[in-house]
Every structure is written in structure tokens, then in C-alpha cells.
Amino acid sequence: LLEQEELLGRLEVADAQSAAALAVCEQLPSAAGRLSEAQSTMRAQQSRCSELEQAVEQGEEALARMERELEALRDAQSDADESAQQREMARSESERRAAIASEQRAVWS
């Protein structure tokens, strides 16, 4: 009788363990689905991250190009300013010489 009660107790424990294992097994498909969704989301986020990294890289390259272009424009403006200054100096010198020549002609006349 004692053996039967002990055996019955073991069977109840085994039954409870089986029920717990069955509950876990029943949750596995749901957990697997959630895991699959999480993996899909992660792949989509990795893809988006790669796209953003490319966009940042392209933006940095564009910025570097614009900085080079701006520097070239500044150089060209500086050259143009210097050329205009030289032309103004040449014009002033030409006017000065013309005035001197005019004075000399007036004196000789």
C-alpha cells in the first residue's frame, strides 16, 4: 500500500511535469512567430541603417565638393578683384599721362 501511494505520488508529479512541458510546447509556435517578426524587424532596421550610412557618406562627399567649389569661387573673385584694381591703376596712369601730354602740347602751342 505504501508503495502504491508512493507510485501514485510519483505519477502525480510526472503528470504535473508533463502538463508544464505541454504548456511550454504550446507556447513555442507563438514564441517562434514573435522571434521571426523580431528578426524581420531587425533586418529591416539594418537595411535602413545602411541606407542612412550611405546617405551620410554622400552628404559628406557633396559638402566636400561644395567646399572645394566655394574655395575656387573665392580664388576667382580674388583674382577678379586684383585684376580690376590693376585695370584701375592702369587707367589712372593713362589719364595722368594724357593730362601731362595735353599740358605739354598746350605749352608748345
N, C-alpha and C. Protein backbone atom coordinates (compact mmCIF):
# COMPACT_ATOMS: atom_id res chain seq x y z
N LEU A 1 0.85 -1.19 0.00
CA LEU A 1 0.00 0.00 0.00
C LEU A 1 0.89 1.25 0.00
N LEU A 2 1.94 1.23 0.78
CA LEU A 2 2.86 2.35 0.82
C LEU A 2 3.52 2.55 -0.54
N GLU A 3 3.87 1.47 -1.17
CA GLU A 3 4.48 1.55 -2.49
C GLU A 3 3.50 2.12 -3.50
N GLN A 4 2.23 1.76 -3.38
CA GLN A 4 1.22 2.27 -4.30
C GLN A 4 1.04 3.77 -4.10
N GLU A 5 1.03 4.23 -2.86
CA GLU A 5 0.89 5.66 -2.60
C GLU A 5 2.12 6.42 -3.11
N GLU A 6 3.28 5.81 -2.91
CA GLU A 6 4.50 6.43 -3.41
C GLU A 6 4.48 6.49 -4.93
N LEU A 7 4.05 5.44 -5.54
CA LEU A 7 3.95 5.38 -7.00
C LEU A 7 2.91 6.37 -7.49
N LEU A 8 1.79 6.48 -6.80
CA LEU A 8 0.74 7.44 -7.15
C LEU A 8 1.28 8.87 -7.04
N GLY A 9 2.09 9.16 -6.01
CA GLY A 9 2.70 10.48 -5.84
C GLY A 9 3.65 10.80 -6.98
N ARG A 10 4.42 9.78 -7.36
CA ARG A 10 5.34 9.98 -8.47
C ARG A 10 4.59 10.23 -9.77
N LEU A 11 3.50 9.51 -9.95
CA LEU A 11 2.69 9.69 -11.16
C LEU A 11 2.07 11.09 -11.19
N GLU A 12 1.65 11.61 -10.03
CA GLU A 12 1.09 12.96 -9.97
C GLU A 12 2.16 14.00 -10.32
N VAL A 13 3.37 13.79 -9.78
CA VAL A 13 4.47 14.70 -10.09
C VAL A 13 4.79 14.63 -11.58
N ALA A 14 4.87 13.41 -12.12
CA ALA A 14 5.16 13.23 -13.55
C ALA A 14 4.05 13.86 -14.38
N ASP A 15 2.79 13.73 -13.94
CA ASP A 15 1.66 14.32 -14.66
C ASP A 15 1.77 15.85 -14.65
N ALA A 16 2.15 16.44 -13.50
CA ALA A 16 2.31 17.89 -13.40
C ALA A 16 3.46 18.37 -14.29
N GLN A 17 4.53 17.60 -14.31
CA GLN A 17 5.66 17.96 -15.17
C GLN A 17 5.28 17.86 -16.64
N SER A 18 4.52 16.85 -16.98
CA SER A 18 4.06 16.70 -18.36
C SER A 18 3.16 17.85 -18.76
N ALA A 19 2.28 18.26 -17.85
CA ALA A 19 1.38 19.38 -18.14
C ALA A 19 2.19 20.66 -18.35
N ALA A 20 3.21 20.86 -17.51
CA ALA A 20 4.06 22.05 -17.65
C ALA A 20 4.82 22.01 -18.98
N ALA A 21 5.34 20.84 -19.31
CA ALA A 21 6.07 20.69 -20.58
C ALA A 21 5.14 20.93 -21.75
N LEU A 22 3.91 20.44 -21.66
CA LEU A 22 2.91 20.63 -22.73
C LEU A 22 2.58 22.12 -22.88
N ALA A 23 2.46 22.83 -21.76
CA ALA A 23 2.17 24.28 -21.80
C ALA A 23 3.31 25.02 -22.50
N VAL A 24 4.55 24.63 -22.18
CA VAL A 24 5.70 25.26 -22.82
C VAL A 24 5.68 24.97 -24.32
N CYS A 25 5.40 23.74 -24.67
CA CYS A 25 5.36 23.35 -26.08
C CYS A 25 4.26 24.10 -26.84
N GLU A 26 3.15 24.33 -26.18
CA GLU A 26 2.05 25.05 -26.82
C GLU A 26 2.44 26.51 -27.07
N GLN A 27 3.32 27.06 -26.24
CA GLN A 27 3.75 28.45 -26.41
C GLN A 27 4.86 28.61 -27.44
N LEU A 28 5.51 27.52 -27.80
CA LEU A 28 6.63 27.59 -28.73
C LEU A 28 6.27 28.20 -30.08
N PRO A 29 5.17 27.81 -30.72
CA PRO A 29 4.86 28.43 -32.02
C PRO A 29 4.68 29.95 -31.90
N SER A 30 4.04 30.39 -30.84
CA SER A 30 3.84 31.82 -30.64
C SER A 30 5.18 32.51 -30.43
N ALA A 31 6.03 31.91 -29.63
CA ALA A 31 7.36 32.49 -29.38
C ALA A 31 8.18 32.48 -30.66
N ALA A 32 8.07 31.42 -31.44
CA ALA A 32 8.81 31.34 -32.70
C ALA A 32 8.32 32.43 -33.66
N GLY A 33 7.01 32.67 -33.66
CA GLY A 33 6.45 33.72 -34.51
C GLY A 33 6.97 35.09 -34.10
N ARG A 34 6.99 35.34 -32.80
CA ARG A 34 7.50 36.62 -32.31
C ARG A 34 8.98 36.77 -32.64
N LEU A 35 9.73 35.69 -32.51
CA LEU A 35 11.15 35.72 -32.84
C LEU A 35 11.35 36.01 -34.33
N SER A 36 10.54 35.38 -35.16
CA SER A 36 10.63 35.61 -36.60
C SER A 36 10.31 37.07 -36.93
N GLU A 37 9.28 37.62 -36.29
CA GLU A 37 8.93 39.03 -36.51
C GLU A 37 10.06 39.94 -36.06
N ALA A 38 10.65 39.62 -34.92
CA ALA A 38 11.76 40.43 -34.41
C ALA A 38 12.95 40.38 -35.37
N GLN A 39 13.22 39.20 -35.91
CA GLN A 39 14.33 39.07 -36.87
C GLN A 39 14.04 39.87 -38.13
N SER A 40 12.81 39.83 -38.61
CA SER A 40 12.44 40.61 -39.80
C SER A 40 12.60 42.10 -39.52
N THR A 41 12.15 42.54 -38.36
CA THR A 41 12.27 43.94 -37.99
C THR A 41 13.74 44.33 -37.91
N MET A 42 14.55 43.47 -37.33
CA MET A 42 15.97 43.76 -37.20
C MET A 42 16.63 43.88 -38.58
N ARG A 43 16.28 42.97 -39.50
CA ARG A 43 16.85 43.04 -40.85
C ARG A 43 16.42 44.33 -41.54
N ALA A 44 15.16 44.73 -41.37
CA ALA A 44 14.68 45.97 -41.98
C ALA A 44 15.43 47.17 -41.39
N GLN A 45 15.65 47.14 -40.08
CA GLN A 45 16.38 48.24 -39.43
C GLN A 45 17.84 48.28 -39.88
N GLN A 46 18.44 47.12 -40.06
CA GLN A 46 19.83 47.07 -40.54
C GLN A 46 19.90 47.64 -41.96
N SER A 47 18.93 47.30 -42.78
CA SER A 47 18.89 47.82 -44.14
C SER A 47 18.73 49.33 -44.13
N ARG A 48 17.82 49.82 -43.30
CA ARG A 48 17.61 51.27 -43.20
C ARG A 48 18.86 51.96 -42.68
N CYS A 49 19.54 51.34 -41.73
CA CYS A 49 20.77 51.90 -41.18
C CYS A 49 21.83 52.00 -42.29
N SER A 50 21.93 50.97 -43.11
CA SER A 50 22.89 51.00 -44.23
C SER A 50 22.54 52.13 -45.20
N GLU A 51 21.25 52.29 -45.48
CA GLU A 51 20.81 53.37 -46.37
C GLU A 51 21.19 54.73 -45.78
N LEU A 52 20.96 54.88 -44.48
CA LEU A 52 21.29 56.15 -43.82
C LEU A 52 22.79 56.40 -43.83
N GLU A 53 23.58 55.35 -43.61
CA GLU A 53 25.03 55.50 -43.65
C GLU A 53 25.48 55.95 -45.03
N GLN A 54 24.88 55.37 -46.09
CA GLN A 54 25.21 55.78 -47.45
C GLN A 54 24.82 57.23 -47.69
N ALA A 55 23.65 57.61 -47.19
CA ALA A 55 23.19 58.99 -47.37
C ALA A 55 24.13 59.96 -46.66
N VAL A 56 24.59 59.61 -45.47
CA VAL A 56 25.52 60.46 -44.74
C VAL A 56 26.83 60.57 -45.52
N GLU A 57 27.32 59.45 -46.03
CA GLU A 57 28.57 59.45 -46.79
C GLU A 57 28.43 60.32 -48.04
N GLN A 58 27.31 60.20 -48.74
CA GLN A 58 27.08 61.01 -49.94
C GLN A 58 26.97 62.49 -49.57
N GLY A 59 26.33 62.77 -48.45
CA GLY A 59 26.22 64.15 -47.99
C GLY A 59 27.59 64.74 -47.66
N GLU A 60 28.43 63.94 -47.01
CA GLU A 60 29.77 64.41 -46.69
C GLU A 60 30.58 64.67 -47.95
N GLU A 61 30.43 63.78 -48.95
CA GLU A 61 31.14 63.98 -50.22
C GLU A 61 30.64 65.24 -50.92
N ALA A 62 29.32 65.44 -50.90
CA ALA A 62 28.75 66.64 -51.53
C ALA A 62 29.24 67.90 -50.81
N LEU A 63 29.29 67.86 -49.51
CA LEU A 63 29.78 69.00 -48.73
C LEU A 63 31.23 69.30 -49.08
N ALA A 64 32.05 68.26 -49.18
CA ALA A 64 33.46 68.46 -49.53
C ALA A 64 33.58 69.09 -50.93
N ARG A 65 32.76 68.61 -51.88
CA ARG A 65 32.76 69.20 -53.22
C ARG A 65 32.37 70.67 -53.18
N MET A 66 31.32 70.98 -52.43
CA MET A 66 30.86 72.36 -52.34
C MET A 66 31.92 73.24 -51.68
N GLU A 67 32.62 72.72 -50.69
CA GLU A 67 33.69 73.49 -50.06
C GLU A 67 34.80 73.78 -51.06
N ARG A 68 35.15 72.78 -51.89
CA ARG A 68 36.18 73.00 -52.91
C ARG A 68 35.70 74.03 -53.94
N GLU A 69 34.43 73.91 -54.34
CA GLU A 69 33.88 74.86 -55.30
C GLU A 69 33.85 76.27 -54.72
N LEU A 70 33.48 76.40 -53.47
CA LEU A 70 33.45 77.70 -52.81
C LEU A 70 34.85 78.30 -52.76
N GLU A 71 35.83 77.49 -52.44
CA GLU A 71 37.21 77.98 -52.40
C GLU A 71 37.65 78.42 -53.80
N ALA A 72 37.27 77.68 -54.83
CA ALA A 72 37.61 78.07 -56.20
C ALA A 72 36.93 79.39 -56.57
N LEU A 73 35.68 79.56 -56.14
CA LEU A 73 34.99 80.82 -56.40
C LEU A 73 35.65 81.98 -55.67
N ARG A 74 36.07 81.74 -54.44
CA ARG A 74 36.77 82.79 -53.70
C ARG A 74 38.08 83.17 -54.40
N ASP A 75 38.79 82.15 -54.86
CA ASP A 75 40.04 82.41 -55.58
C ASP A 75 39.77 83.22 -56.84
N ALA A 76 38.73 82.83 -57.58
CA ALA A 76 38.38 83.55 -58.81
C ALA A 76 37.97 84.98 -58.49
N GLN A 77 37.21 85.18 -57.41
CA GLN A 77 36.80 86.53 -57.02
C GLN A 77 38.01 87.37 -56.64
N SER A 78 38.93 86.76 -55.92
CA SER A 78 40.15 87.46 -55.52
C SER A 78 40.95 87.87 -56.76
N ASP A 79 41.06 86.94 -57.72
CA ASP A 79 41.78 87.25 -58.97
C ASP A 79 41.07 88.37 -59.72
N ALA A 80 39.74 88.32 -59.77
CA ALA A 80 38.97 89.36 -60.46
C ALA A 80 39.14 90.71 -59.76
N ASP A 81 39.13 90.71 -58.45
CA ASP A 81 39.33 91.96 -57.70
C ASP A 81 40.72 92.54 -57.98
N GLU A 82 41.71 91.65 -57.98
CA GLU A 82 43.08 92.10 -58.23
C GLU A 82 43.21 92.64 -59.65
N SER A 83 42.58 91.97 -60.60
CA SER A 83 42.61 92.41 -62.00
C SER A 83 41.92 93.76 -62.14
N ALA A 84 40.80 93.94 -61.48
CA ALA A 84 40.07 95.22 -61.54
C ALA A 84 40.93 96.33 -60.94
N GLN A 85 41.62 96.03 -59.86
CA GLN A 85 42.49 97.02 -59.23
C GLN A 85 43.63 97.40 -60.18
N GLN A 86 44.19 96.39 -60.84
CA GLN A 86 45.27 96.67 -61.79
C GLN A 86 44.77 97.50 -62.97
N ARG A 87 43.56 97.20 -63.46
CA ARG A 87 42.98 97.98 -64.56
C ARG A 87 42.74 99.42 -64.12
N GLU A 88 42.26 99.60 -62.91
CA GLU A 88 42.03 100.95 -62.39
C GLU A 88 43.34 101.72 -62.29
N MET A 89 44.38 101.05 -61.81
CA MET A 89 45.69 101.70 -61.71
C MET A 89 46.21 102.06 -63.10
N ALA A 90 46.03 101.17 -64.07
CA ALA A 90 46.48 101.44 -65.44
C ALA A 90 45.68 102.59 -66.04
N ARG A 91 44.37 102.63 -65.79
CA ARG A 91 43.54 103.72 -66.30
C ARG A 91 43.97 105.05 -65.69
N SER A 92 44.21 105.04 -64.39
CA SER A 92 44.65 106.27 -63.71
C SER A 92 46.00 106.74 -64.28
N GLU A 93 46.90 105.80 -64.49
CA GLU A 93 48.20 106.13 -65.06
C GLU A 93 48.05 106.68 -66.47
N SER A 94 47.17 106.07 -67.25
CA SER A 94 46.91 106.53 -68.62
C SER A 94 46.32 107.94 -68.61
N GLU A 95 45.40 108.20 -67.70
CA GLU A 95 44.81 109.54 -67.60
C GLU A 95 45.86 110.56 -67.18
N ARG A 96 46.73 110.16 -66.25
CA ARG A 96 47.79 111.06 -65.80
C ARG A 96 48.72 111.41 -66.96
N ARG A 97 49.09 110.39 -67.74
CA ARG A 97 49.98 110.63 -68.89
C ARG A 97 49.29 111.48 -69.96
N ALA A 98 48.00 111.23 -70.15
CA ALA A 98 47.26 112.04 -71.13
C ALA A 98 47.21 113.49 -70.70
N ALA A 99 47.02 113.72 -69.39
CA ALA A 99 46.98 115.09 -68.87
C ALA A 99 48.33 115.76 -69.05
N ILE A 100 49.42 115.03 -68.79
CA ILE A 100 50.78 115.58 -68.96
C ILE A 100 51.01 115.92 -70.43
N ALA A 101 50.62 114.97 -71.31
CA ALA A 101 50.80 115.21 -72.75
C ALA A 101 50.00 116.42 -73.20
N SER A 102 48.79 116.56 -72.68
CA SER A 102 47.94 117.69 -73.04
C SER A 102 48.57 118.99 -72.57
N GLU A 103 49.14 118.99 -71.37
CA GLU A 103 49.81 120.18 -70.85
C GLU A 103 51.02 120.53 -71.71
N GLN A 104 51.78 119.51 -72.12
CA GLN A 104 52.95 119.76 -72.93
C GLN A 104 52.56 120.33 -74.30
N ARG A 105 51.48 119.80 -74.87
CA ARG A 105 51.01 120.32 -76.15
C ARG A 105 50.58 121.77 -76.01
N ALA A 106 49.93 122.06 -74.88
CA ALA A 106 49.47 123.44 -74.63
C ALA A 106 50.66 124.38 -74.51
N VAL A 107 51.72 123.90 -73.85
CA VAL A 107 52.92 124.71 -73.68
C VAL A 107 53.59 124.92 -75.04
N TRP A 108 53.62 123.93 -75.90
CA TRP A 108 54.29 124.02 -77.19
C TRP A 108 53.50 124.82 -78.21
N SER A 109 52.22 124.97 -77.93
CA SER A 109 51.40 125.67 -78.91
C SER A 109 51.51 127.15 -78.83
